[in-house]
């Protein structure tokens, strides 16, 4: 039996109508800087080590789950959640294509 992949393992880039910010890769320093995402390299390494690959993966991460990671305390967990909320607020509603 092969173990199914966790949704946090890979960023799936699909044709489904989801906001493009969800595909911002955490291992792309230029993309993070271009989108004004100020996360320290040690924090990014911790997120990547935990299996988070894209900003969209963090959309479903609870603050408590983030605080359990190395180098991520309460303040950084709040900062990460604020970044996700900022993008969620800026994203237009997805409209179905017919």
PDB file of N, CA and C in Angstrom:
ATOM      1  N   UNK A   1       0.826  -1.189   0.000  1.00  0.00           N
ATOM      2  CA  UNK A   1       0.000   0.000   0.000  1.00  0.00           C
ATOM      3  C   UNK A   1       0.860   1.237   0.000  1.00  0.00           C
ATOM      4  N   UNK A   2       0.490   2.181  -0.804  1.00  0.00           N
ATOM      5  CA  UNK A   2       1.185   3.462  -0.765  1.00  0.00           C
ATOM      6  C   UNK A   2       0.364   4.430   0.075  1.00  0.00           C
ATOM      7  N   UNK A   3       1.072   5.182   0.862  1.00  0.00           N
ATOM      8  CA  UNK A   3       0.424   6.141   1.752  1.00  0.00           C
ATOM      9  C   UNK A   3      -0.029   7.355   0.944  1.00  0.00           C
ATOM     10  N   UNK A   4      -1.295   7.806   1.076  1.00  0.00           N
ATOM     11  CA  UNK A   4      -1.733   8.993   0.343  1.00  0.00           C
ATOM     12  C   UNK A   4      -0.995  10.233   0.825  1.00  0.00           C
ATOM     13  N   UNK A   5      -0.744  11.143  -0.087  1.00  0.00           N
ATOM     14  CA  UNK A   5      -0.032  12.370   0.260  1.00  0.00           C
ATOM     15  C   UNK A   5      -0.913  13.300   1.074  1.00  0.00           C
ATOM     16  N   UNK A   6      -0.296  13.922   2.038  1.00  0.00           N
ATOM     17  CA  UNK A   6      -0.982  14.937   2.820  1.00  0.00           C
ATOM     18  C   UNK A   6      -1.202  16.154   1.930  1.00  0.00           C
ATOM     19  N   UNK A   7      -2.286  16.916   2.136  1.00  0.00           N
ATOM     20  CA  UNK A   7      -2.490  18.109   1.320  1.00  0.00           C
ATOM     21  C   UNK A   7      -1.395  19.151   1.509  1.00  0.00           C
ATOM     22  N   UNK A   8      -0.561  19.024   2.554  1.00  0.00           N
ATOM     23  CA  UNK A   8       0.497  19.985   2.795  1.00  0.00           C
ATOM     24  C   UNK A   8       1.777  19.625   2.049  1.00  0.00           C
ATOM     25  N   UNK A   9       1.833  18.484   1.366  1.00  0.00           N
ATOM     26  CA  UNK A   9       3.077  18.022   0.780  1.00  0.00           C
ATOM     27  C   UNK A   9       3.419  18.750  -0.519  1.00  0.00           C
ATOM     28  N   UNK A  10       2.464  18.957  -1.383  1.00  0.00           N
ATOM     29  CA  UNK A  10       2.722  19.502  -2.707  1.00  0.00           C
ATOM     30  C   UNK A  10       1.751  20.644  -2.986  1.00  0.00           C
ATOM     31  N   UNK A  11       2.223  21.669  -3.676  1.00  0.00           N
ATOM     32  CA  UNK A  11       1.333  22.721  -4.160  1.00  0.00           C
ATOM     33  C   UNK A  11       0.735  22.226  -5.454  1.00  0.00           C
ATOM     34  N   UNK A  12      -0.543  22.094  -5.478  1.00  0.00           N
ATOM     35  CA  UNK A  12      -1.209  21.671  -6.693  1.00  0.00           C
ATOM     36  C   UNK A  12      -1.621  22.899  -7.483  1.00  0.00           C
ATOM     37  N   UNK A  13      -1.088  23.037  -8.681  1.00  0.00           N
ATOM     38  CA  UNK A  13      -1.480  24.129  -9.546  1.00  0.00           C
ATOM     39  C   UNK A  13      -2.457  23.540 -10.556  1.00  0.00           C
ATOM     40  N   UNK A  14      -3.695  23.929 -10.431  1.00  0.00           N
ATOM     41  CA  UNK A  14      -4.744  23.335 -11.245  1.00  0.00           C
ATOM     42  C   UNK A  14      -5.503  24.421 -11.979  1.00  0.00           C
ATOM     43  N   UNK A  15      -6.457  24.006 -12.770  1.00  0.00           N
ATOM     44  CA  UNK A  15      -7.316  24.948 -13.477  1.00  0.00           C
ATOM     45  C   UNK A  15      -8.519  25.348 -12.633  1.00  0.00           C
ATOM     46  N   UNK A  16      -8.593  24.860 -11.412  1.00  0.00           N
ATOM     47  CA  UNK A  16      -9.729  25.204 -10.566  1.00  0.00           C
ATOM     48  C   UNK A  16      -9.670  26.687 -10.220  1.00  0.00           C
ATOM     49  N   UNK A  17     -10.827  27.303 -10.048  1.00  0.00           N
ATOM     50  CA  UNK A  17     -10.841  28.742  -9.768  1.00  0.00           C
ATOM     51  C   UNK A  17     -10.456  29.041  -8.322  1.00  0.00           C
ATOM     52  N   UNK A  18      -9.177  29.173  -8.073  1.00  0.00           N
ATOM     53  CA  UNK A  18      -8.726  29.592  -6.749  1.00  0.00           C
ATOM     54  C   UNK A  18      -7.795  30.783  -6.934  1.00  0.00           C
ATOM     55  N   UNK A  19      -7.663  31.603  -5.926  1.00  0.00           N
ATOM     56  CA  UNK A  19      -6.823  32.796  -6.039  1.00  0.00           C
ATOM     57  C   UNK A  19      -5.362  32.431  -6.324  1.00  0.00           C
ATOM     58  N   UNK A  20      -4.710  33.224  -7.149  1.00  0.00           N
ATOM     59  CA  UNK A  20      -3.327  32.937  -7.529  1.00  0.00           C
ATOM     60  C   UNK A  20      -2.366  33.070  -6.346  1.00  0.00           C
ATOM     61  N   UNK A  21      -2.713  33.855  -5.332  1.00  0.00           N
ATOM     62  CA  UNK A  21      -1.816  33.999  -4.188  1.00  0.00           C
ATOM     63  C   UNK A  21      -1.603  32.667  -3.481  1.00  0.00           C
ATOM     64  N   UNK A  22      -2.521  31.753  -3.618  1.00  0.00           N
ATOM     65  CA  UNK A  22      -2.384  30.455  -2.951  1.00  0.00           C
ATOM     66  C   UNK A  22      -1.208  29.652  -3.513  1.00  0.00           C
ATOM     67  N   UNK A  23      -0.745  29.992  -4.724  1.00  0.00           N
ATOM     68  CA  UNK A  23       0.356  29.284  -5.360  1.00  0.00           C
ATOM     69  C   UNK A  23       1.713  29.918  -5.104  1.00  0.00           C
ATOM     70  N   UNK A  24       1.780  30.975  -4.295  1.00  0.00           N
ATOM     71  CA  UNK A  24       3.074  31.588  -3.976  1.00  0.00           C
ATOM     72  C   UNK A  24       3.882  30.575  -3.172  1.00  0.00           C
ATOM     73  N   UNK A  25       5.035  30.202  -3.726  1.00  0.00           N
ATOM     74  CA  UNK A  25       5.851  29.160  -3.100  1.00  0.00           C
ATOM     75  C   UNK A  25       6.669  29.727  -1.939  1.00  0.00           C
ATOM     76  N   UNK A  26       6.747  28.975  -0.861  1.00  0.00           N
ATOM     77  CA  UNK A  26       7.518  29.402   0.310  1.00  0.00           C
ATOM     78  C   UNK A  26       9.017  29.242   0.088  1.00  0.00           C
ATOM     79  N   UNK A  27       9.419  28.474  -0.932  1.00  0.00           N
ATOM     80  CA  UNK A  27      10.840  28.295  -1.225  1.00  0.00           C
ATOM     81  C   UNK A  27      11.319  29.239  -2.331  1.00  0.00           C
ATOM     82  N   UNK A  28      10.547  30.271  -2.620  1.00  0.00           N
ATOM     83  CA  UNK A  28      10.892  31.252  -3.655  1.00  0.00           C
ATOM     84  C   UNK A  28      11.063  32.623  -3.009  1.00  0.00           C
ATOM     85  N   UNK A  29      12.300  32.962  -2.600  1.00  0.00           N
ATOM     86  CA  UNK A  29      12.508  34.239  -1.904  1.00  0.00           C
ATOM     87  C   UNK A  29      12.121  35.450  -2.745  1.00  0.00           C
ATOM     88  N   UNK A  30      12.329  35.388  -4.057  1.00  0.00           N
ATOM     89  CA  UNK A  30      11.955  36.515  -4.917  1.00  0.00           C
ATOM     90  C   UNK A  30      10.442  36.702  -4.952  1.00  0.00           C
ATOM     91  N   UNK A  31       9.707  35.600  -5.045  1.00  0.00           N
ATOM     92  CA  UNK A  31       8.246  35.673  -5.059  1.00  0.00           C
ATOM     93  C   UNK A  31       7.698  36.191  -3.739  1.00  0.00           C
ATOM     94  N   UNK A  32       8.313  35.769  -2.631  1.00  0.00           N
ATOM     95  CA  UNK A  32       7.881  36.249  -1.318  1.00  0.00           C
ATOM     96  C   UNK A  32       8.145  37.749  -1.181  1.00  0.00           C
ATOM     97  N   UNK A  33       9.330  38.194  -1.625  1.00  0.00           N
ATOM     98  CA  UNK A  33       9.667  39.615  -1.536  1.00  0.00           C
ATOM     99  C   UNK A  33       8.761  40.439  -2.447  1.00  0.00           C
ATOM    100  N   UNK A  34       8.496  39.934  -3.645  1.00  0.00           N
ATOM    101  CA  UNK A  34       7.638  40.640  -4.601  1.00  0.00           C
ATOM    102  C   UNK A  34       6.224  40.828  -4.049  1.00  0.00           C
ATOM    103  N   UNK A  35       5.785  39.887  -3.216  1.00  0.00           N
ATOM    104  CA  UNK A  35       4.443  39.944  -2.645  1.00  0.00           C
ATOM    105  C   UNK A  35       4.436  40.480  -1.210  1.00  0.00           C
ATOM    106  N   UNK A  36       5.565  41.041  -0.786  1.00  0.00           N
ATOM    107  CA  UNK A  36       5.685  41.685   0.532  1.00  0.00           C
ATOM    108  C   UNK A  36       5.325  40.717   1.672  1.00  0.00           C
ATOM    109  N   UNK A  37       5.947  39.534   1.632  1.00  0.00           N
ATOM    110  CA  UNK A  37       5.744  38.535   2.686  1.00  0.00           C
ATOM    111  C   UNK A  37       7.046  38.465   3.479  1.00  0.00           C
ATOM    112  N   UNK A  38       7.095  39.132   4.638  1.00  0.00           N
ATOM    113  CA  UNK A  38       8.341  39.284   5.392  1.00  0.00           C
ATOM    114  C   UNK A  38       8.594  38.154   6.391  1.00  0.00           C
ATOM    115  N   UNK A  39       8.941  36.982   5.907  1.00  0.00           N
ATOM    116  CA  UNK A  39       9.230  35.872   6.818  1.00  0.00           C
ATOM    117  C   UNK A  39      10.728  35.600   6.816  1.00  0.00           C
ATOM    118  N   UNK A  40      11.278  35.409   8.004  1.00  0.00           N
ATOM    119  CA  UNK A  40      12.703  35.157   8.152  1.00  0.00           C
ATOM    120  C   UNK A  40      13.060  33.793   7.564  1.00  0.00           C
ATOM    121  N   UNK A  41      14.279  33.642   7.017  1.00  0.00           N
ATOM    122  CA  UNK A  41      14.689  32.366   6.431  1.00  0.00           C
ATOM    123  C   UNK A  41      14.555  31.183   7.383  1.00  0.00           C
ATOM    124  N   UNK A  42      14.853  31.370   8.666  1.00  0.00           N
ATOM    125  CA  UNK A  42      14.758  30.267   9.620  1.00  0.00           C
ATOM    126  C   UNK A  42      13.299  29.831   9.802  1.00  0.00           C
ATOM    127  N   UNK A  43      12.376  30.771   9.736  1.00  0.00           N
ATOM    128  CA  UNK A  43      10.946  30.456   9.840  1.00  0.00           C
ATOM    129  C   UNK A  43      10.491  29.731   8.580  1.00  0.00           C
ATOM    130  N   UNK A  44      10.946  30.205   7.424  1.00  0.00           N
ATOM    131  CA  UNK A  44      10.595  29.536   6.172  1.00  0.00           C
ATOM    132  C   UNK A  44      11.108  28.099   6.160  1.00  0.00           C
ATOM    133  N   UNK A  45      12.321  27.889   6.648  1.00  0.00           N
ATOM    134  CA  UNK A  45      12.869  26.525   6.705  1.00  0.00           C
ATOM    135  C   UNK A  45      12.026  25.637   7.616  1.00  0.00           C
ATOM    136  N   UNK A  46      11.543  26.198   8.710  1.00  0.00           N
ATOM    137  CA  UNK A  46      10.693  25.444   9.630  1.00  0.00           C
ATOM    138  C   UNK A  46       9.364  25.088   8.954  1.00  0.00           C
ATOM    139  N   UNK A  47       8.771  26.055   8.240  1.00  0.00           N
ATOM    140  CA  UNK A  47       7.515  25.796   7.529  1.00  0.00           C
ATOM    141  C   UNK A  47       7.711  24.733   6.453  1.00  0.00           C
ATOM    142  N   UNK A  48       8.794  24.866   5.678  1.00  0.00           N
ATOM    143  CA  UNK A  48       9.075  23.885   4.630  1.00  0.00           C
ATOM    144  C   UNK A  48       9.339  22.505   5.226  1.00  0.00           C
ATOM    145  N   UNK A  49      10.060  22.483   6.338  1.00  0.00           N
ATOM    146  CA  UNK A  49      10.346  21.211   7.005  1.00  0.00           C
ATOM    147  C   UNK A  49       9.088  20.530   7.520  1.00  0.00           C
ATOM    148  N   UNK A  50       8.065  21.331   7.839  1.00  0.00           N
ATOM    149  CA  UNK A  50       6.802  20.779   8.328  1.00  0.00           C
ATOM    150  C   UNK A  50       5.877  20.367   7.180  1.00  0.00           C
ATOM    151  N   UNK A  51       6.301  20.643   5.937  1.00  0.00           N
ATOM    152  CA  UNK A  51       5.511  20.207   4.796  1.00  0.00           C
ATOM    153  C   UNK A  51       4.695  21.276   4.123  1.00  0.00           C
ATOM    154  N   UNK A  52       4.774  22.499   4.599  1.00  0.00           N
ATOM    155  CA  UNK A  52       4.066  23.601   3.941  1.00  0.00           C
ATOM    156  C   UNK A  52       4.898  24.035   2.744  1.00  0.00           C
ATOM    157  N   UNK A  53       4.302  24.095   1.577  1.00  0.00           N
ATOM    158  CA  UNK A  53       5.039  24.440   0.367  1.00  0.00           C
ATOM    159  C   UNK A  53       4.602  25.766  -0.249  1.00  0.00           C
ATOM    160  N   UNK A  54       3.324  26.087  -0.126  1.00  0.00           N
ATOM    161  CA  UNK A  54       2.769  27.300  -0.734  1.00  0.00           C
ATOM    162  C   UNK A  54       2.007  28.089   0.316  1.00  0.00           C
ATOM    163  N   UNK A  55       1.786  29.349   0.006  1.00  0.00           N
ATOM    164  CA  UNK A  55       1.021  30.192   0.921  1.00  0.00           C
ATOM    165  C   UNK A  55      -0.380  29.633   1.133  1.00  0.00           C
ATOM    166  N   UNK A  56      -0.944  29.016   0.122  1.00  0.00           N
ATOM    167  CA  UNK A  56      -2.266  28.412   0.245  1.00  0.00           C
ATOM    168  C   UNK A  56      -2.312  27.295   1.271  1.00  0.00           C
ATOM    169  N   UNK A  57      -1.176  26.605   1.478  1.00  0.00           N
ATOM    170  CA  UNK A  57      -1.132  25.565   2.505  1.00  0.00           C
ATOM    171  C   UNK A  57      -1.341  26.162   3.893  1.00  0.00           C
ATOM    172  N   UNK A  58      -0.860  27.388   4.076  1.00  0.00           N
ATOM    173  CA  UNK A  58      -0.977  28.047   5.382  1.00  0.00           C
ATOM    174  C   UNK A  58      -2.381  28.567   5.644  1.00  0.00           C
ATOM    175  N   UNK A  59      -3.193  28.605   4.603  1.00  0.00           N
ATOM    176  CA  UNK A  59      -4.569  29.090   4.752  1.00  0.00           C
ATOM    177  C   UNK A  59      -5.337  28.246   5.761  1.00  0.00           C
ATOM    178  N   UNK A  60      -5.045  26.980   5.808  1.00  0.00           N
ATOM    179  CA  UNK A  60      -5.796  26.055   6.666  1.00  0.00           C
ATOM    180  C   UNK A  60      -5.067  25.735   7.968  1.00  0.00           C
ATOM    181  N   UNK A  61      -3.886  26.318   8.161  1.00  0.00           N
ATOM    182  CA  UNK A  61      -3.106  26.034   9.366  1.00  0.00           C
ATOM    183  C   UNK A  61      -3.612  26.879  10.535  1.00  0.00           C
ATOM    184  N   UNK A  62      -3.904  26.227  11.634  1.00  0.00           N
ATOM    185  CA  UNK A  62      -4.337  26.938  12.845  1.00  0.00           C
ATOM    186  C   UNK A  62      -3.125  27.579  13.518  1.00  0.00           C
ATOM    187  N   UNK A  63      -3.371  28.653  14.223  1.00  0.00           N
ATOM    188  CA  UNK A  63      -2.292  29.327  14.944  1.00  0.00           C
ATOM    189  C   UNK A  63      -1.556  28.394  15.883  1.00  0.00           C
ATOM    190  N   UNK A  64      -2.280  27.542  16.576  1.00  0.00           N
ATOM    191  CA  UNK A  64      -1.661  26.595  17.514  1.00  0.00           C
ATOM    192  C   UNK A  64      -0.748  25.615  16.771  1.00  0.00           C
ATOM    193  N   UNK A  65      -1.173  25.183  15.587  1.00  0.00           N
ATOM    194  CA  UNK A  65      -0.353  24.277  14.774  1.00  0.00           C
ATOM    195  C   UNK A  65       0.950  24.967  14.361  1.00  0.00           C
ATOM    196  N   UNK A  66       0.855  26.236  13.998  1.00  0.00           N
ATOM    197  CA  UNK A  66       2.051  26.989  13.613  1.00  0.00           C
ATOM    198  C   UNK A  66       2.982  27.191  14.803  1.00  0.00           C
ATOM    199  N   UNK A  67       2.419  27.469  15.979  1.00  0.00           N
ATOM    200  CA  UNK A  67       3.245  27.704  17.170  1.00  0.00           C
ATOM    201  C   UNK A  67       3.996  26.452  17.610  1.00  0.00           C
ATOM    202  N   UNK A  68       3.549  25.276  17.177  1.00  0.00           N
ATOM    203  CA  UNK A  68       4.246  24.040  17.514  1.00  0.00           C
ATOM    204  C   UNK A  68       5.504  23.824  16.677  1.00  0.00           C
ATOM    205  N   UNK A  69       5.714  24.653  15.653  1.00  0.00           N
ATOM    206  CA  UNK A  69       6.897  24.540  14.808  1.00  0.00           C
ATOM    207  C   UNK A  69       8.085  25.240  15.469  1.00  0.00           C
ATOM    208  N   UNK A  70       9.290  24.797  15.111  1.00  0.00           N
ATOM    209  CA  UNK A  70      10.497  25.451  15.617  1.00  0.00           C
ATOM    210  C   UNK A  70      10.554  26.886  15.112  1.00  0.00           C
ATOM    211  N   UNK A  71      10.968  27.804  15.958  1.00  0.00           N
ATOM    212  CA  UNK A  71      11.173  29.212  15.644  1.00  0.00           C
ATOM    213  C   UNK A  71       9.885  29.980  15.355  1.00  0.00           C
ATOM    214  N   UNK A  72       8.742  29.376  15.602  1.00  0.00           N
ATOM    215  CA  UNK A  72       7.477  30.082  15.394  1.00  0.00           C
ATOM    216  C   UNK A  72       6.770  30.170  16.738  1.00  0.00           C
ATOM    217  N   UNK A  73       6.718  31.366  17.273  1.00  0.00           N
ATOM    218  CA  UNK A  73       6.012  31.594  18.526  1.00  0.00           C
ATOM    219  C   UNK A  73       4.675  32.263  18.252  1.00  0.00           C
ATOM    220  N   UNK A  74       4.101  32.793  19.299  1.00  0.00           N
ATOM    221  CA  UNK A  74       2.784  33.423  19.182  1.00  0.00           C
ATOM    222  C   UNK A  74       2.794  34.576  18.186  1.00  0.00           C
ATOM    223  N   UNK A  75       3.792  35.472  18.310  1.00  0.00           N
ATOM    224  CA  UNK A  75       3.829  36.654  17.446  1.00  0.00           C
ATOM    225  C   UNK A  75       3.985  36.285  15.978  1.00  0.00           C
ATOM    226  N   UNK A  76       4.866  35.320  15.682  1.00  0.00           N
ATOM    227  CA  UNK A  76       5.050  34.919  14.289  1.00  0.00           C
ATOM    228  C   UNK A  76       3.834  34.183  13.743  1.00  0.00           C
ATOM    229  N   UNK A  77       3.177  33.389  14.576  1.00  0.00           N
ATOM    230  CA  UNK A  77       1.959  32.704  14.130  1.00  0.00           C
ATOM    231  C   UNK A  77       0.892  33.736  13.778  1.00  0.00           C
ATOM    232  N   UNK A  78       0.771  34.779  14.590  1.00  0.00           N
ATOM    233  CA  UNK A  78      -0.188  35.856  14.307  1.00  0.00           C
ATOM    234  C   UNK A  78       0.205  36.571  13.012  1.00  0.00           C
ATOM    235  N   UNK A  79       1.499  36.808  12.809  1.00  0.00           N
ATOM    236  CA  UNK A  79       1.976  37.471  11.597  1.00  0.00           C
ATOM    237  C   UNK A  79       1.662  36.622  10.353  1.00  0.00           C
ATOM    238  N   UNK A  80       1.898  35.332  10.430  1.00  0.00           N
ATOM    239  CA  UNK A  80       1.622  34.438   9.301  1.00  0.00           C
ATOM    240  C   UNK A  80       0.132  34.436   8.986  1.00  0.00           C
ATOM    241  N   UNK A  81      -0.694  34.335  10.010  1.00  0.00           N
ATOM    242  CA  UNK A  81      -2.154  34.348   9.795  1.00  0.00           C
ATOM    243  C   UNK A  81      -2.600  35.691   9.210  1.00  0.00           C
ATOM    244  N   UNK A  82      -1.953  36.798   9.623  1.00  0.00           N
ATOM    245  CA  UNK A  82      -2.293  38.119   9.091  1.00  0.00           C
ATOM    246  C   UNK A  82      -1.943  38.214   7.605  1.00  0.00           C
ATOM    247  N   UNK A  83      -0.821  37.631   7.202  1.00  0.00           N
ATOM    248  CA  UNK A  83      -0.440  37.627   5.781  1.00  0.00           C
ATOM    249  C   UNK A  83      -1.503  36.897   4.969  1.00  0.00           C
ATOM    250  N   UNK A  84      -1.925  35.735   5.445  1.00  0.00           N
ATOM    251  CA  UNK A  84      -2.949  34.963   4.728  1.00  0.00           C
ATOM    252  C   UNK A  84      -4.254  35.745   4.659  1.00  0.00           C
ATOM    253  N   UNK A  85      -4.657  36.346   5.778  1.00  0.00           N
ATOM    254  CA  UNK A  85      -5.900  37.135   5.784  1.00  0.00           C
ATOM    255  C   UNK A  85      -5.815  38.328   4.842  1.00  0.00           C
ATOM    256  N   UNK A  86      -4.632  38.941   4.753  1.00  0.00           N
ATOM    257  CA  UNK A  86      -4.452  40.074   3.830  1.00  0.00           C
ATOM    258  C   UNK A  86      -4.705  39.632   2.391  1.00  0.00           C
ATOM    259  N   UNK A  87      -4.147  38.490   2.025  1.00  0.00           N
ATOM    260  CA  UNK A  87      -4.360  37.998   0.668  1.00  0.00           C
ATOM    261  C   UNK A  87      -5.809  37.559   0.456  1.00  0.00           C
ATOM    262  N   UNK A  88      -6.409  36.954   1.460  1.00  0.00           N
ATOM    263  CA  UNK A  88      -7.813  36.551   1.331  1.00  0.00           C
ATOM    264  C   UNK A  88      -8.708  37.770   1.131  1.00  0.00           C
ATOM    265  N   UNK A  89      -8.394  38.869   1.804  1.00  0.00           N
ATOM    266  CA  UNK A  89      -9.183  40.089   1.667  1.00  0.00           C
ATOM    267  C   UNK A  89      -8.991  40.764   0.332  1.00  0.00           C
ATOM    268  N   UNK A  90      -7.797  40.630  -0.253  1.00  0.00           N
ATOM    269  CA  UNK A  90      -7.499  41.263  -1.546  1.00  0.00           C
ATOM    270  C   UNK A  90      -8.004  40.430  -2.721  1.00  0.00           C
ATOM    271  N   UNK A  91      -8.208  39.137  -2.503  1.00  0.00           N
ATOM    272  CA  UNK A  91      -8.561  38.247  -3.614  1.00  0.00           C
ATOM    273  C   UNK A  91     -10.010  38.464  -4.030  1.00  0.00           C
ATOM    274  N   UNK A  92     -10.247  38.579  -5.334  1.00  0.00           N
ATOM    275  CA  UNK A  92     -11.632  38.683  -5.790  1.00  0.00           C
ATOM    276  C   UNK A  92     -12.329  37.343  -5.647  1.00  0.00           C
ATOM    277  N   UNK A  93     -13.618  37.395  -5.550  1.00  0.00           N
ATOM    278  CA  UNK A  93     -14.404  36.153  -5.460  1.00  0.00           C
ATOM    279  C   UNK A  93     -14.176  35.330  -6.721  1.00  0.00           C
ATOM    280  N   UNK A  94     -14.001  34.046  -6.561  1.00  0.00           N
ATOM    281  CA  UNK A  94     -13.859  33.166  -7.725  1.00  0.00           C
ATOM    282  C   UNK A  94     -15.213  32.999  -8.395  1.00  0.00           C
ATOM    283  N   UNK A  95     -15.240  33.157  -9.681  1.00  0.00           N
ATOM    284  CA  UNK A  95     -16.495  32.974 -10.411  1.00  0.00           C
ATOM    285  C   UNK A  95     -16.365  31.741 -11.278  1.00  0.00           C
ATOM    286  N   UNK A  96     -17.390  30.917 -11.292  1.00  0.00           N
ATOM    287  CA  UNK A  96     -17.311  29.701 -12.103  1.00  0.00           C
ATOM    288  C   UNK A  96     -17.302  30.035 -13.590  1.00  0.00           C
ATOM    289  N   UNK A  97     -16.556  29.228 -14.347  1.00  0.00           N
ATOM    290  CA  UNK A  97     -16.507  29.389 -15.803  1.00  0.00           C
ATOM    291  C   UNK A  97     -17.444  28.392 -16.423  1.00  0.00           C
ATOM    292  N   UNK A  98     -18.280  28.868 -17.332  1.00  0.00           N
ATOM    293  CA  UNK A  98     -19.228  27.967 -17.988  1.00  0.00           C
ATOM    294  C   UNK A  98     -18.862  27.784 -19.435  1.00  0.00           C
TER     295      UNK A  98
END
